C-alpha atoms as a PDB file:
ATOM      1  CA  MET A   1       0.304   0.342   0.013  1.00  0.00           C
ATOM      2  CA  SER A   2       1.521   2.999  -0.855  1.00  0.00           C
ATOM      3  CA  ALA A   3       1.740   6.307   1.567  1.00  0.00           C
ATOM      4  CA  ILE A   4      -0.478   9.195   1.253  1.00  0.00           C
ATOM      5  CA  THR A   5       1.199  12.471   1.007  1.00  0.00           C
ATOM      6  CA  VAL A   6      -0.630  15.661   2.119  1.00  0.00           C
ATOM      7  CA  THR A   7      -0.076  18.525  -0.318  1.00  0.00           C
ATOM      8  CA  ASP A   8      -2.663  21.065  -0.334  1.00  0.00           C
ATOM      9  CA  PRO A   9      -1.860  23.769   2.360  1.00  0.00           C
ATOM     10  CA  ALA A  10      -5.546  23.660   3.938  1.00  0.00           C
ATOM     11  CA  GLU A  11      -5.011  20.116   4.507  1.00  0.00           C
ATOM     12  CA  ILE A  12      -1.988  20.463   6.076  1.00  0.00           C
ATOM     13  CA  ALA A  13      -3.541  23.251   8.063  1.00  0.00           C
ATOM     14  CA  ALA A  14      -6.232  20.979   9.562  1.00  0.00           C
ATOM     15  CA  ALA A  15      -4.436  18.392  10.067  1.00  0.00           C
ATOM     16  CA  ASP A  16      -2.118  20.182  12.298  1.00  0.00           C
ATOM     17  CA  GLN A  17      -4.836  21.235  14.174  1.00  0.00           C
ATOM     18  CA  ARG A  18      -5.895  17.856  14.745  1.00  0.00           C
ATOM     19  CA  VAL A  19      -2.179  17.064  16.185  1.00  0.00           C
ATOM     20  CA  GLY A  20      -2.959  16.434  19.820  1.00  0.00           C
ATOM     21  CA  LEU A  21      -0.411  16.559  22.863  1.00  0.00           C
ATOM     22  CA  ALA A  22       0.542  13.066  22.677  1.00  0.00           C
ATOM     23  CA  ASP A  23       1.123  13.380  18.966  1.00  0.00           C
ATOM     24  CA  THR A  24       2.985  16.378  19.316  1.00  0.00           C
ATOM     25  CA  LEU A  25       5.344  14.714  21.927  1.00  0.00           C
ATOM     26  CA  SER A  26       5.607  11.189  20.011  1.00  0.00           C
ATOM     27  CA  GLN A  27       6.767  13.397  16.714  1.00  0.00           C
ATOM     28  CA  THR A  28       9.487  15.930  18.831  1.00  0.00           C
ATOM     29  CA  MET A  29      10.861  12.869  19.913  1.00  0.00           C
ATOM     30  CA  THR A  30      11.064  11.211  16.658  1.00  0.00           C
ATOM     31  CA  LEU A  31      12.920  14.559  15.171  1.00  0.00           C
ATOM     32  CA  ALA A  32      14.747  14.288  17.958  1.00  0.00           C
ATOM     33  CA  TRP A  33      16.222  10.872  17.659  1.00  0.00           C
ATOM     34  CA  ARG A  34      16.891  12.262  14.142  1.00  0.00           C
ATOM     35  CA  ALA A  35      19.021  14.784  15.353  1.00  0.00           C
ATOM     36  CA  THR A  36      20.804  12.447  17.622  1.00  0.00           C
ATOM     37  CA  MET A  37      21.146  10.644  14.594  1.00  0.00           C
ATOM     38  CA  LYS A  38      23.029  13.242  12.683  1.00  0.00           C
ATOM     39  CA  MET A  39      25.210  14.140  15.864  1.00  0.00           C
ATOM     40  CA  ARG A  40      26.806  10.605  15.273  1.00  0.00           C
ATOM     41  CA  ARG A  41      27.327  10.670  12.002  1.00  0.00           C
ATOM     42  CA  SER A  42      29.001  14.165  11.944  1.00  0.00           C
ATOM     43  CA  MET A  43      31.082  14.475  15.089  1.00  0.00           C
ATOM     44  CA  GLU A  44      32.691  17.628  14.068  1.00  0.00           C
ATOM     45  CA  VAL A  45      29.448  19.060  15.564  1.00  0.00           C
ATOM     46  CA  MET A  46      30.138  18.052  18.907  1.00  0.00           C
ATOM     47  CA  PHE A  47      33.713  19.558  18.863  1.00  0.00           C
ATOM     48  CA  ASP A  48      32.087  22.606  20.928  1.00  0.00           C
ATOM     49  CA  VAL A  49      31.097  20.634  23.918  1.00  0.00           C
ATOM     50  CA  THR A  50      33.782  17.869  23.780  1.00  0.00           C
ATOM     51  CA  ILE A  51      36.999  20.056  23.051  1.00  0.00           C
ATOM     52  CA  GLN A  52      35.897  23.669  24.299  1.00  0.00           C
ATOM     53  CA  PRO A  53      35.130  22.453  27.634  1.00  0.00           C
ATOM     54  CA  LEU A  54      39.022  20.708  28.080  1.00  0.00           C
ATOM     55  CA  ILE A  55      40.536  23.618  26.506  1.00  0.00           C
ATOM     56  CA  PHE A  56      38.771  26.750  28.218  1.00  0.00           C
ATOM     57  CA  THR A  57      38.553  25.029  31.810  1.00  0.00           C
ATOM     58  CA  ALA A  58      42.528  24.799  32.000  1.00  0.00           C
ATOM     59  CA  MET A  59      43.200  28.046  30.006  1.00  0.00           C
ATOM     60  CA  PHE A  60      41.409  30.145  31.982  1.00  0.00           C
ATOM     61  CA  ALA A  61      41.660  28.888  35.021  1.00  0.00           C
ATOM     62  CA  TYR A  62      45.854  28.731  35.103  1.00  0.00           C
ATOM     63  CA  ILE A  63      45.879  32.289  33.162  1.00  0.00           C
ATOM     64  CA  PHE A  64      43.496  34.222  35.254  1.00  0.00           C
ATOM     65  CA  GLY A  65      43.662  32.092  38.475  1.00  0.00           C
ATOM     66  CA  GLY A  66      46.246  34.273  39.969  1.00  0.00           C
ATOM     67  CA  ALA A  67      45.434  37.494  39.056  1.00  0.00           C
ATOM     68  CA  ILE A  68      41.621  37.450  39.899  1.00  0.00           C
ATOM     69  CA  SER A  69      41.815  35.060  43.250  1.00  0.00           C
ATOM     70  CA  GLY A  70      45.688  34.845  44.064  1.00  0.00           C
ATOM     71  CA  ASP A  71      45.951  31.227  43.044  1.00  0.00           C
ATOM     72  CA  VAL A  72      44.133  28.589  40.783  1.00  0.00           C
ATOM     73  CA  GLY A  73      42.302  26.911  43.535  1.00  0.00           C
ATOM     74  CA  SER A  74      40.570  29.849  44.935  1.00  0.00           C
ATOM     75  CA  TYR A  75      39.482  30.740  41.719  1.00  0.00           C
ATOM     76  CA  LEU A  76      37.902  27.371  40.493  1.00  0.00           C
ATOM     77  CA  PRO A  77      34.784  27.592  42.704  1.00  0.00           C
ATOM     78  CA  LEU A  78      34.235  30.743  40.316  1.00  0.00           C
ATOM     79  CA  ILE A  79      35.083  29.755  37.114  1.00  0.00           C
ATOM     80  CA  ILE A  80      33.814  26.142  36.803  1.00  0.00           C
ATOM     81  CA  PRO A  81      30.256  27.602  37.030  1.00  0.00           C
ATOM     82  CA  GLY A  82      30.835  30.498  35.035  1.00  0.00           C
ATOM     83  CA  LEU A  83      32.412  28.587  32.220  1.00  0.00           C
ATOM     84  CA  ILE A  84      29.622  26.061  31.893  1.00  0.00           C
ATOM     85  CA  GLY A  85      27.044  28.958  31.701  1.00  0.00           C
ATOM     86  CA  GLN A  86      29.244  30.174  28.979  1.00  0.00           C
ATOM     87  CA  THR A  87      29.941  27.087  27.327  1.00  0.00           C
ATOM     88  CA  VAL A  88      26.384  25.912  27.517  1.00  0.00           C
ATOM     89  CA  LEU A  89      25.388  29.423  25.650  1.00  0.00           C
ATOM     90  CA  THR A  90      28.184  28.981  23.272  1.00  0.00           C
ATOM     91  CA  ALA A  91      26.488  25.408  22.223  1.00  0.00           C
ATOM     92  CA  CYS A  92      22.733  27.295  21.918  1.00  0.00           C
ATOM     93  CA  VAL A  93      24.649  29.055  19.145  1.00  0.00           C
ATOM     94  CA  ALA A  94      24.798  26.098  17.062  1.00  0.00           C
ATOM     95  CA  THR A  95      21.284  25.475  17.365  1.00  0.00           C
ATOM     96  CA  GLY A  96      20.192  28.703  15.167  1.00  0.00           C
ATOM     97  CA  VAL A  97      22.948  27.978  12.621  1.00  0.00           C
ATOM     98  CA  GLN A  98      22.059  24.007  12.153  1.00  0.00           C
ATOM     99  CA  LEU A  99      18.142  25.210  11.805  1.00  0.00           C
ATOM    100  CA  ARG A 100      19.505  27.866   9.180  1.00  0.00           C
ATOM    101  CA  THR A 101      21.275  25.285   7.328  1.00  0.00           C
ATOM    102  CA  ASP A 102      18.415  22.792   7.105  1.00  0.00           C
ATOM    103  CA  MET A 103      16.090  25.428   6.283  1.00  0.00           C
ATOM    104  CA  ASP A 104      18.569  26.253   3.459  1.00  0.00           C
ATOM    105  CA  THR A 105      19.003  22.705   2.221  1.00  0.00           C
ATOM    106  CA  GLY A 106      15.736  22.053   1.659  1.00  0.00           C
ATOM    107  CA  VAL A 107      15.007  19.326   4.597  1.00  0.00           C
ATOM    108  CA  PHE A 108      12.078  21.635   6.322  1.00  0.00           C
ATOM    109  CA  ASP A 109      10.490  21.559   2.746  1.00  0.00           C
ATOM    110  CA  ARG A 110       9.764  17.606   3.397  1.00  0.00           C
ATOM    111  CA  PHE A 111       8.013  18.463   6.766  1.00  0.00           C
ATOM    112  CA  LYS A 112       5.899  21.165   5.529  1.00  0.00           C
ATOM    113  CA  VAL A 113       4.047  18.214   3.498  1.00  0.00           C
ATOM    114  CA  LEU A 114       3.456  16.389   6.844  1.00  0.00           C
ATOM    115  CA  PRO A 115       0.283  16.368   8.693  1.00  0.00           C
ATOM    116  CA  ILE A 116       2.590  16.588  11.750  1.00  0.00           C
ATOM    117  CA  SER A 117       2.877  19.690  14.675  1.00  0.00           C
ATOM    118  CA  ARG A 118       4.612  22.514  13.407  1.00  0.00           C
ATOM    119  CA  ILE A 119       6.667  23.264  17.197  1.00  0.00           C
ATOM    120  CA  ALA A 120       7.891  19.141  16.441  1.00  0.00           C
ATOM    121  CA  PRO A 121      10.539  20.342  13.842  1.00  0.00           C
ATOM    122  CA  LEU A 122      11.700  22.930  15.924  1.00  0.00           C
ATOM    123  CA  ALA A 123      11.788  21.093  19.276  1.00  0.00           C
ATOM    124  CA  GLY A 124      12.806  17.962  18.229  1.00  0.00           C
ATOM    125  CA  PRO A 125      16.449  19.047  17.641  1.00  0.00           C
ATOM    126  CA  MET A 126      16.562  21.321  20.529  1.00  0.00           C
ATOM    127  CA  VAL A 127      15.700  17.958  22.425  1.00  0.00           C
ATOM    128  CA  ALA A 128      18.717  16.388  20.901  1.00  0.00           C
ATOM    129  CA  ASP A 129      20.700  19.489  22.279  1.00  0.00           C
ATOM    130  CA  LEU A 130      20.001  18.500  25.681  1.00  0.00           C
ATOM    131  CA  LEU A 131      22.692  15.955  24.980  1.00  0.00           C
ATOM    132  CA  ARG A 132      25.103  18.572  24.218  1.00  0.00           C
ATOM    133  CA  TYR A 133      24.457  20.523  27.445  1.00  0.00           C
ATOM    134  CA  PHE A 134      25.162  17.663  29.495  1.00  0.00           C
ATOM    135  CA  ILE A 135      28.264  16.665  27.772  1.00  0.00           C
ATOM    136  CA  ALA A 136      29.308  20.255  27.755  1.00  0.00           C
ATOM    137  CA  SER A 137      28.559  20.694  31.436  1.00  0.00           C
ATOM    138  CA  VAL A 138      29.734  17.212  32.747  1.00  0.00           C
ATOM    139  CA  LEU A 139      33.245  17.541  30.963  1.00  0.00           C
ATOM    140  CA  THR A 140      33.802  21.122  32.559  1.00  0.00           C
ATOM    141  CA  PHE A 141      33.117  19.747  36.113  1.00  0.00           C
ATOM    142  CA  THR A 142      35.268  16.483  35.409  1.00  0.00           C
ATOM    143  CA  VAL A 143      38.219  18.667  34.227  1.00  0.00           C
ATOM    144  CA  GLY A 144      37.737  21.240  37.051  1.00  0.00           C
ATOM    145  CA  ILE A 145      37.819  18.397  39.654  1.00  0.00           C
ATOM    146  CA  ALA A 146      40.886  17.214  38.061  1.00  0.00           C
ATOM    147  CA  ILE A 147      42.915  20.392  38.486  1.00  0.00           C
ATOM    148  CA  GLY A 148      41.612  20.943  41.826  1.00  0.00           C
ATOM    149  CA  TYR A 149      38.214  22.026  42.067  1.00  0.00           C
ATOM    150  CA  ARG A 150      36.200  20.219  45.161  1.00  0.00           C
ATOM    151  CA  PRO A 151      32.575  21.002  45.079  1.00  0.00           C
ATOM    152  CA  GLY A 152      31.113  21.668  48.345  1.00  0.00           C
ATOM    153  CA  GLY A 153      27.870  20.699  47.263  1.00  0.00           C
ATOM    154  CA  GLY A 154      28.758  17.095  46.442  1.00  0.00           C
ATOM    155  CA  PHE A 155      27.241  14.661  43.724  1.00  0.00           C
ATOM    156  CA  LEU A 156      23.582  16.083  44.498  1.00  0.00           C
ATOM    157  CA  GLY A 157      24.787  19.672  44.365  1.00  0.00           C
ATOM    158  CA  VAL A 158      26.515  18.982  40.744  1.00  0.00           C
ATOM    159  CA  ALA A 159      23.800  17.057  39.679  1.00  0.00           C
ATOM    160  CA  GLY A 160      21.213  19.925  40.415  1.00  0.00           C
ATOM    161  CA  ALA A 161      23.762  22.082  38.605  1.00  0.00           C
ATOM    162  CA  VAL A 162      24.278  20.371  35.138  1.00  0.00           C
ATOM    163  CA  LEU A 163      20.328  19.805  35.294  1.00  0.00           C
ATOM    164  CA  LEU A 164      19.948  23.973  35.590  1.00  0.00           C
ATOM    165  CA  ALA A 165      22.503  24.148  32.976  1.00  0.00           C
ATOM    166  CA  MET A 166      20.505  21.889  30.071  1.00  0.00           C
ATOM    167  CA  VAL A 167      17.314  23.825  31.343  1.00  0.00           C
ATOM    168  CA  ALA A 168      19.060  27.306  30.649  1.00  0.00           C
ATOM    169  CA  GLY A 169      20.363  25.843  27.549  1.00  0.00           C
ATOM    170  CA  TRP A 170      17.336  24.595  26.198  1.00  0.00           C
ATOM    171  CA  SER A 171      15.652  27.627  26.875  1.00  0.00           C
ATOM    172  CA  LEU A 172      18.225  30.051  25.806  1.00  0.00           C
ATOM    173  CA  ALA A 173      18.297  28.252  22.835  1.00  0.00           C
ATOM    174  CA  TRP A 174      14.597  29.261  21.856  1.00  0.00           C
ATOM    175  CA  ILE A 175      16.220  32.822  21.204  1.00  0.00           C
ATOM    176  CA  PHE A 176      18.616  31.548  18.693  1.00  0.00           C
ATOM    177  CA  THR A 177      16.033  29.538  17.112  1.00  0.00           C
ATOM    178  CA  LEU A 178      14.390  32.611  16.308  1.00  0.00           C
ATOM    179  CA  PHE A 179      17.845  34.298  15.006  1.00  0.00           C
ATOM    180  CA  GLY A 180      17.985  30.884  12.496  1.00  0.00           C
ATOM    181  CA  ILE A 181      14.231  31.245  11.195  1.00  0.00           C
ATOM    182  CA  LEU A 182      14.834  34.955  10.562  1.00  0.00           C
ATOM    183  CA  GLY A 183      18.277  34.769   9.263  1.00  0.00           C
ATOM    184  CA  ARG A 184      18.937  34.788   5.758  1.00  0.00           C
ATOM    185  CA  ASN A 185      21.909  32.351   5.602  1.00  0.00           C
ATOM    186  CA  ALA A 186      23.901  30.196   8.146  1.00  0.00           C
ATOM    187  CA  GLN A 187      26.860  32.685   8.329  1.00  0.00           C
ATOM    188  CA  GLY A 188      24.576  35.657   8.851  1.00  0.00           C
ATOM    189  CA  VAL A 189      22.706  33.661  11.981  1.00  0.00           C
ATOM    190  CA  GLN A 190      25.884  32.627  13.121  1.00  0.00           C
ATOM    191  CA  GLY A 191      27.151  36.367  13.440  1.00  0.00           C
ATOM    192  CA  ILE A 192      24.076  37.533  14.698  1.00  0.00           C
ATOM    193  CA  SER A 193      24.350  34.907  17.495  1.00  0.00           C
ATOM    194  CA  LEU A 194      27.960  35.464  18.298  1.00  0.00           C
ATOM    195  CA  LEU A 195      27.038  39.094  18.813  1.00  0.00           C
ATOM    196  CA  VAL A 196      24.249  38.531  21.249  1.00  0.00           C
ATOM    197  CA  MET A 197      26.424  35.510  22.897  1.00  0.00           C
ATOM    198  CA  PHE A 198      29.650  37.628  23.912  1.00  0.00           C
ATOM    199  CA  PRO A 199      28.254  40.479  25.515  1.00  0.00           C
ATOM    200  CA  LEU A 200      25.920  38.011  27.044  1.00  0.00           C
ATOM    201  CA  THR A 201      28.905  36.039  28.223  1.00  0.00           C
ATOM    202  CA  PHE A 202      31.686  38.644  29.281  1.00  0.00           C
ATOM    203  CA  LEU A 203      29.120  41.409  30.696  1.00  0.00           C
ATOM    204  CA  SER A 204      28.499  38.695  33.530  1.00  0.00           C
ATOM    205  CA  ASN A 205      29.355  37.403  36.372  1.00  0.00           C
ATOM    206  CA  ALA A 206      30.953  34.309  34.974  1.00  0.00           C
ATOM    207  CA  PHE A 207      34.959  35.279  35.053  1.00  0.00           C
ATOM    208  CA  VAL A 208      34.745  37.840  37.608  1.00  0.00           C
ATOM    209  CA  PRO A 209      32.885  39.277  40.972  1.00  0.00           C
ATOM    210  CA  THR A 210      30.439  42.002  39.381  1.00  0.00           C
ATOM    211  CA  ASP A 211      31.876  43.920  42.276  1.00  0.00           C
ATOM    212  CA  THR A 212      35.088  45.015  40.847  1.00  0.00           C
ATOM    213  CA  MET A 213      33.282  46.503  37.424  1.00  0.00           C
ATOM    214  CA  PRO A 214      32.558  49.993  36.659  1.00  0.00           C
ATOM    215  CA  ALA A 215      28.979  50.874  38.055  1.00  0.00           C
ATOM    216  CA  PRO A 216      27.082  50.771  34.460  1.00  0.00           C
ATOM    217  CA  LEU A 217      28.931  47.229  34.045  1.00  0.00           C
ATOM    218  CA  ARG A 218      28.440  46.170  37.188  1.00  0.00           C
ATOM    219  CA  ALA A 219      24.255  47.285  36.765  1.00  0.00           C
ATOM    220  CA  PHE A 220      24.067  45.392  33.394  1.00  0.00           C
ATOM    221  CA  ALA A 221      25.940  42.470  34.509  1.00  0.00           C
ATOM    222  CA  ASP A 222      23.739  42.009  37.858  1.00  0.00           C
ATOM    223  CA  VAL A 223      20.504  41.979  35.736  1.00  0.00           C
ATOM    224  CA  ASN A 224      22.045  39.285  33.071  1.00  0.00           C
ATOM    225  CA  PRO A 225      20.189  36.852  32.802  1.00  0.00           C
ATOM    226  CA  VAL A 226      23.315  34.777  32.427  1.00  0.00           C
ATOM    227  CA  SER A 227      24.422  35.794  35.662  1.00  0.00           C
ATOM    228  CA  LEU A 228      21.183  34.768  37.406  1.00  0.00           C
ATOM    229  CA  VAL A 229      21.595  31.441  35.896  1.00  0.00           C
ATOM    230  CA  ILE A 230      25.678  31.179  36.753  1.00  0.00           C
ATOM    231  CA  THR A 231      24.903  32.330  40.673  1.00  0.00           C
ATOM    232  CA  ALA A 232      22.599  29.352  40.832  1.00  0.00           C
ATOM    233  CA  ILE A 233      24.785  27.104  39.749  1.00  0.00           C
ATOM    234  CA  ARG A 234      27.470  28.229  41.893  1.00  0.00           C
ATOM    235  CA  ASP A 235      25.043  27.670  44.852  1.00  0.00           C
ATOM    236  CA  LEU A 236      24.359  24.428  44.137  1.00  0.00           C
ATOM    237  CA  ALA A 237      27.599  22.862  43.012  1.00  0.00           C
ATOM    238  CA  ASN A 238      29.786  24.992  45.673  1.00  0.00           C
ATOM    239  CA  ASP A 239      27.346  24.847  48.651  1.00  0.00           C
ATOM    240  CA  GLY A 240      24.809  22.589  47.634  1.00  0.00           C
ATOM    241  CA  ALA A 241      21.818  24.880  48.621  1.00  0.00           C
ATOM    242  CA  VAL A 242      18.631  25.409  46.870  1.00  0.00           C
ATOM    243  CA  THR A 243      18.232  29.091  47.525  1.00  0.00           C
ATOM    244  CA  ALA A 244      16.180  31.993  45.974  1.00  0.00           C
ATOM    245  CA  ASN A 245      18.615  32.509  43.153  1.00  0.00           C
ATOM    246  CA  VAL A 246      18.074  28.964  41.838  1.00  0.00           C
ATOM    247  CA  GLY A 247      13.893  29.414  41.870  1.00  0.00           C
ATOM    248  CA  TRP A 248      14.664  32.610  39.988  1.00  0.00           C
ATOM    249  CA  ALA A 249      16.871  30.976  37.503  1.00  0.00           C
ATOM    250  CA  PHE A 250      14.091  28.362  36.756  1.00  0.00           C
ATOM    251  CA  VAL A 251      11.796  31.397  36.419  1.00  0.00           C
ATOM    252  CA  GLY A 252      13.784  33.389  34.207  1.00  0.00           C
ATOM    253  CA  CYS A 253      14.079  30.016  31.944  1.00  0.00           C
ATOM    254  CA  ALA A 254      10.201  29.711  31.962  1.00  0.00           C
ATOM    255  CA  VAL A 255       9.970  33.574  30.795  1.00  0.00           C
ATOM    256  CA  VAL A 256      12.324  33.299  28.131  1.00  0.00           C
ATOM    257  CA  ILE A 257      10.225  30.073  26.976  1.00  0.00           C
ATOM    258  CA  ALA A 258       7.083  31.799  27.356  1.00  0.00           C
ATOM    259  CA  ILE A 259       8.319  34.578  25.099  1.00  0.00           C
ATOM    260  CA  PHE A 260      10.906  33.333  22.529  1.00  0.00           C
ATOM    261  CA  ALA A 261       9.182  29.647  21.845  1.00  0.00           C
ATOM    262  CA  PRO A 262       5.869  31.529  20.332  1.00  0.00           C
ATOM    263  CA  LEU A 263       7.415  33.604  18.391  1.00  0.00           C
ATOM    264  CA  SER A 264       9.575  30.928  16.918  1.00  0.00           C
ATOM    265  CA  VAL A 265       6.747  28.876  16.233  1.00  0.00           C
ATOM    266  CA  ARG A 266       4.744  32.091  14.687  1.00  0.00           C
ATOM    267  CA  ALA A 267       8.122  33.113  12.608  1.00  0.00           C
ATOM    268  CA  PHE A 268       8.161  29.268  11.220  1.00  0.00           C
ATOM    269  CA  ASN A 269       4.886  29.015  10.491  1.00  0.00           C
ATOM    270  CA  ARG A 270       5.536  32.215   8.338  1.00  0.00           C
ATOM    271  CA  LYS A 271       8.292  30.427   6.385  1.00  0.00           C
ATOM    272  CA  MET A 272       6.768  27.551   6.015  1.00  0.00           C
END
């Protein structure tokens, strides 16, 4: 029996309206599996979450440790959580770039003639990216422990910090997903994403305490959502404490998703 393909736009829209929550979740996980298989076939896309944590952790610790905290050991409780936030945010950039590449190569043309949820092609690869955030966080902690970092929060604190990093990465990825949809090509998406990523990363408390910054920079760093997430990761990993910062970090992630997920889906539907 031959497969039936829906090609009429009205039929596609009607079919999309009939997609229930269970079907949406199933389709999202199917496309997540597709993205995971694509990672396995192209391991170079994993360099930013495998090689980068190894290099950056050792480099930042040994270059800035003595200058900022007096010695490397004293700097590690500050820099390791900061590097987790920085690495996860860098990995988010690849989400938008890969999405734009898939759209330019016609992959999504196949999806638009299928009676599937409109959010599944976006959410599926982002679910697969949770694996990238997990690998980046675990490797950063592993290298930190190897060079002398001792997380006071123990295993549970570190596990909570990794979970928060994954949630933060998934929420921030919606921003770069929107860039990927609206951008004209992959190079342009990457350029715009880096312009957003670098200020968010370096104008935060990731690498230095904010009280050493000039007043205008400190005011921005203190309200930077990346600073909020990194502070919460420090509370979990260094102290094992579920503080108000942890709660606000999850609230911030929810707000980002609530704003940028609908914008991304709406922009995606217009493009498709």
